[in-house]
C-alpha atoms as a PDB file:
ATOM      1  CA  UNK A   1      84.042 -11.713  77.398  1.00  0.00           C
ATOM      2  CA  UNK A   2      82.137 -14.533  75.706  1.00  0.00           C
ATOM      3  CA  UNK A   3      78.485 -14.995  76.618  1.00  0.00           C
ATOM      4  CA  UNK A   4      77.067 -18.017  78.382  1.00  0.00           C
ATOM      5  CA  UNK A   5      76.944 -21.016  76.011  1.00  0.00           C
ATOM      6  CA  UNK A   6      73.641 -21.450  74.192  1.00  0.00           C
ATOM      7  CA  UNK A   7      72.613 -17.829  74.745  1.00  0.00           C
ATOM      8  CA  UNK A   8      70.605 -16.848  71.650  1.00  0.00           C
ATOM      9  CA  UNK A   9      72.551 -15.275  68.799  1.00  0.00           C
ATOM     10  CA  UNK A  10      71.314 -12.578  66.442  1.00  0.00           C
ATOM     11  CA  UNK A  11      69.857 -13.901  63.210  1.00  0.00           C
ATOM     12  CA  UNK A  12      70.522 -11.163  60.665  1.00  0.00           C
ATOM     13  CA  UNK A  13      67.642 -10.721  58.272  1.00  0.00           C
ATOM     14  CA  UNK A  14      68.185  -9.279  54.822  1.00  0.00           C
ATOM     15  CA  UNK A  15      67.619  -5.659  55.885  1.00  0.00           C
ATOM     16  CA  UNK A  16      69.960  -5.824  58.911  1.00  0.00           C
ATOM     17  CA  UNK A  17      72.855  -7.837  57.453  1.00  0.00           C
ATOM     18  CA  UNK A  18      75.040  -4.733  56.956  1.00  0.00           C
ATOM     19  CA  UNK A  19      74.472  -3.720  60.590  1.00  0.00           C
ATOM     20  CA  UNK A  20      75.695  -7.085  61.900  1.00  0.00           C
ATOM     21  CA  UNK A  21      78.597  -7.245  59.427  1.00  0.00           C
ATOM     22  CA  UNK A  22      79.658  -3.801  60.672  1.00  0.00           C
ATOM     23  CA  UNK A  23      79.481  -4.940  64.304  1.00  0.00           C
ATOM     24  CA  UNK A  24      81.724  -7.882  63.478  1.00  0.00           C
ATOM     25  CA  UNK A  25      84.257  -5.386  62.053  1.00  0.00           C
ATOM     26  CA  UNK A  26      83.951  -3.115  65.091  1.00  0.00           C
ATOM     27  CA  UNK A  27      81.900  -0.436  63.280  1.00  0.00           C
ATOM     28  CA  UNK A  28      78.476   0.855  64.238  1.00  0.00           C
ATOM     29  CA  UNK A  29      76.540   1.321  60.991  1.00  0.00           C
ATOM     30  CA  UNK A  30      73.089   2.838  60.685  1.00  0.00           C
ATOM     31  CA  UNK A  31      70.794   2.751  57.690  1.00  0.00           C
ATOM     32  CA  UNK A  32      70.013   6.115  56.132  1.00  0.00           C
ATOM     33  CA  UNK A  33      67.701   7.023  53.283  1.00  0.00           C
ATOM     34  CA  UNK A  34      69.800   8.005  50.269  1.00  0.00           C
ATOM     35  CA  UNK A  35      66.943  10.194  49.002  1.00  0.00           C
ATOM     36  CA  UNK A  36      65.886  12.298  52.018  1.00  0.00           C
ATOM     37  CA  UNK A  37      68.903  11.679  54.283  1.00  0.00           C
ATOM     38  CA  UNK A  38      66.941  10.534  57.351  1.00  0.00           C
ATOM     39  CA  UNK A  39      68.286   7.746  59.526  1.00  0.00           C
ATOM     40  CA  UNK A  40      66.074   4.816  60.371  1.00  0.00           C
ATOM     41  CA  UNK A  41      66.148   2.047  62.907  1.00  0.00           C
ATOM     42  CA  UNK A  42      65.077  -0.681  62.513  1.00  0.00           C
ATOM     43  CA  UNK A  43      66.478  -1.169  59.003  1.00  0.00           C
ATOM     44  CA  UNK A  44      63.842  -1.604  56.312  1.00  0.00           C
ATOM     45  CA  UNK A  45      63.611  -1.610  52.535  1.00  0.00           C
ATOM     46  CA  UNK A  46      61.440   1.510  52.206  1.00  0.00           C
ATOM     47  CA  UNK A  47      61.939   4.879  53.869  1.00  0.00           C
ATOM     48  CA  UNK A  48      59.000   5.632  56.199  1.00  0.00           C
ATOM     49  CA  UNK A  49      59.508   9.370  55.611  1.00  0.00           C
ATOM     50  CA  UNK A  50      59.652   9.659  51.807  1.00  0.00           C
ATOM     51  CA  UNK A  51      58.884   6.118  50.577  1.00  0.00           C
ATOM     52  CA  UNK A  52      62.178   5.861  48.685  1.00  0.00           C
ATOM     53  CA  UNK A  53      63.782   2.454  48.178  1.00  0.00           C
ATOM     54  CA  UNK A  54      67.248   4.054  48.077  1.00  0.00           C
ATOM     55  CA  UNK A  55      69.305   3.379  51.175  1.00  0.00           C
ATOM     56  CA  UNK A  56      72.880   3.546  52.393  1.00  0.00           C
ATOM     57  CA  UNK A  57      74.808   2.433  55.456  1.00  0.00           C
ATOM     58  CA  UNK A  58      76.668   5.125  57.376  1.00  0.00           C
ATOM     59  CA  UNK A  59      79.268   4.662  60.084  1.00  0.00           C
ATOM     60  CA  UNK A  60      78.159   6.644  63.149  1.00  0.00           C
ATOM     61  CA  UNK A  61      80.173   7.812  66.157  1.00  0.00           C
ATOM     62  CA  UNK A  62      78.790   5.203  68.542  1.00  0.00           C
ATOM     63  CA  UNK A  63      78.204   7.899  71.141  1.00  0.00           C
ATOM     64  CA  UNK A  64      74.888   8.464  72.798  1.00  0.00           C
ATOM     65  CA  UNK A  65      72.999   8.747  76.058  1.00  0.00           C
ATOM     66  CA  UNK A  66      71.044   6.289  78.132  1.00  0.00           C
ATOM     67  CA  UNK A  67      67.409   6.879  77.234  1.00  0.00           C
ATOM     68  CA  UNK A  68      65.915   4.201  79.490  1.00  0.00           C
ATOM     69  CA  UNK A  69      66.954   0.998  81.242  1.00  0.00           C
ATOM     70  CA  UNK A  70      65.798  -1.834  83.435  1.00  0.00           C
ATOM     71  CA  UNK A  71      67.512  -4.395  85.602  1.00  0.00           C
ATOM     72  CA  UNK A  72      66.508  -7.974  84.818  1.00  0.00           C
ATOM     73  CA  UNK A  73      66.319 -10.063  87.996  1.00  0.00           C
ATOM     74  CA  UNK A  74      64.546 -13.145  86.655  1.00  0.00           C
ATOM     75  CA  UNK A  75      66.169 -14.992  83.752  1.00  0.00           C
ATOM     76  CA  UNK A  76      64.069 -15.014  80.594  1.00  0.00           C
ATOM     77  CA  UNK A  77      66.169 -17.752  78.996  1.00  0.00           C
ATOM     78  CA  UNK A  78      67.922 -20.745  80.598  1.00  0.00           C
ATOM     79  CA  UNK A  79      71.310 -19.447  79.425  1.00  0.00           C
ATOM     80  CA  UNK A  80      70.718 -16.198  81.374  1.00  0.00           C
ATOM     81  CA  UNK A  81      70.478 -17.843  84.806  1.00  0.00           C
ATOM     82  CA  UNK A  82      74.126 -17.107  85.624  1.00  0.00           C
ATOM     83  CA  UNK A  83      73.862 -13.504  84.385  1.00  0.00           C
ATOM     84  CA  UNK A  84      71.081 -12.125  86.598  1.00  0.00           C
ATOM     85  CA  UNK A  85      70.867  -9.412  87.643  1.00  0.00           C
ATOM     86  CA  UNK A  86      71.791  -7.721  84.365  1.00  0.00           C
ATOM     87  CA  UNK A  87      70.790  -4.509  82.645  1.00  0.00           C
ATOM     88  CA  UNK A  88      68.936  -3.920  79.403  1.00  0.00           C
ATOM     89  CA  UNK A  89      69.202  -0.348  78.195  1.00  0.00           C
ATOM     90  CA  UNK A  90      67.951   1.874  75.423  1.00  0.00           C
ATOM     91  CA  UNK A  91      70.679   4.143  74.082  1.00  0.00           C
ATOM     92  CA  UNK A  92      69.763   7.178  71.978  1.00  0.00           C
ATOM     93  CA  UNK A  93      72.553   7.853  69.487  1.00  0.00           C
ATOM     94  CA  UNK A  94      73.943  11.380  69.137  1.00  0.00           C
ATOM     95  CA  UNK A  95      73.456  11.455  65.362  1.00  0.00           C
ATOM     96  CA  UNK A  96      69.656  11.369  65.493  1.00  0.00           C
ATOM     97  CA  UNK A  97      67.148  11.225  68.370  1.00  0.00           C
ATOM     98  CA  UNK A  98      65.162   8.550  66.517  1.00  0.00           C
ATOM     99  CA  UNK A  99      68.112   6.114  66.624  1.00  0.00           C
ATOM    100  CA  UNK A 100      67.517   4.176  69.835  1.00  0.00           C
ATOM    101  CA  UNK A 101      69.252   0.828  70.277  1.00  0.00           C
ATOM    102  CA  UNK A 102      68.332  -1.852  72.808  1.00  0.00           C
ATOM    103  CA  UNK A 103      71.575  -3.086  74.339  1.00  0.00           C
ATOM    104  CA  UNK A 104      73.481  -3.785  77.553  1.00  0.00           C
ATOM    105  CA  UNK A 105      75.708  -1.393  79.472  1.00  0.00           C
ATOM    106  CA  UNK A 106      79.135  -2.709  80.441  1.00  0.00           C
ATOM    107  CA  UNK A 107      81.956  -1.519  82.686  1.00  0.00           C
ATOM    108  CA  UNK A 108      79.446  -0.087  85.156  1.00  0.00           C
ATOM    109  CA  UNK A 109      77.548  -1.432  88.139  1.00  0.00           C
ATOM    110  CA  UNK A 110      73.810  -1.639  87.671  1.00  0.00           C
ATOM    111  CA  UNK A 111      73.336   0.700  90.644  1.00  0.00           C
ATOM    112  CA  UNK A 112      75.387   3.411  88.898  1.00  0.00           C
ATOM    113  CA  UNK A 113      73.353   3.603  85.680  1.00  0.00           C
ATOM    114  CA  UNK A 114      71.576   6.923  85.129  1.00  0.00           C
ATOM    115  CA  UNK A 115      69.212   8.314  82.514  1.00  0.00           C
ATOM    116  CA  UNK A 116      71.047  10.731  80.136  1.00  0.00           C
ATOM    117  CA  UNK A 117      74.419   9.226  81.072  1.00  0.00           C
ATOM    118  CA  UNK A 118      76.830   9.615  78.104  1.00  0.00           C
ATOM    119  CA  UNK A 119      77.986   6.295  76.667  1.00  0.00           C
ATOM    120  CA  UNK A 120      80.178   4.935  73.861  1.00  0.00           C
ATOM    121  CA  UNK A 121      79.754   1.727  71.874  1.00  0.00           C
ATOM    122  CA  UNK A 122      82.085  -1.221  72.412  1.00  0.00           C
ATOM    123  CA  UNK A 123      81.868  -4.548  70.644  1.00  0.00           C
ATOM    124  CA  UNK A 124      81.919  -7.733  72.689  1.00  0.00           C
ATOM    125  CA  UNK A 125      82.392 -11.171  71.253  1.00  0.00           C
ATOM    126  CA  UNK A 126      79.220 -13.163  71.768  1.00  0.00           C
ATOM    127  CA  UNK A 127      80.575 -16.288  70.111  1.00  0.00           C
ATOM    128  CA  UNK A 128      83.282 -16.916  67.534  1.00  0.00           C
ATOM    129  CA  UNK A 129      82.643 -14.546  64.622  1.00  0.00           C
ATOM    130  CA  UNK A 130      79.701 -12.715  66.252  1.00  0.00           C
ATOM    131  CA  UNK A 131      80.151  -9.373  68.023  1.00  0.00           C
ATOM    132  CA  UNK A 132      77.384  -7.477  69.777  1.00  0.00           C
ATOM    133  CA  UNK A 133      77.249  -3.709  70.262  1.00  0.00           C
ATOM    134  CA  UNK A 134      77.195  -2.796  73.923  1.00  0.00           C
ATOM    135  CA  UNK A 135      77.836   0.553  75.560  1.00  0.00           C
ATOM    136  CA  UNK A 136      80.179   1.774  78.297  1.00  0.00           C
ATOM    137  CA  UNK A 137      80.125   5.076  80.190  1.00  0.00           C
ATOM    138  CA  UNK A 138      82.173   7.949  78.806  1.00  0.00           C
END
């Protein structure tokens, strides 16, 4: 389902371009240090663990668990007026406990969301050519 017109779109910076390109292809990619093998989110040029500048993008399963969430009842942007109430969730990916994405949960009522609930990524078209990773219950 397309978002409300004029809702802000992601602006991929240099370090996150591969992430957004993957989303548009229906793949969840995470940056990993090619030297020490540790995942990192948010993407960045230097590994915070070993200081290497070597990095790679790895397709991950897209499975995880709800780490935290809130229900937004007051729109924070004019384009969100028709969406309230809506959820904003943190999903911890199965591949690494440090990979926590801020997202929305779909295909579930806000009242049914639970911490540690297993979820799977889905990609929803935000606007033509832009897909956002969201998560649905497993």
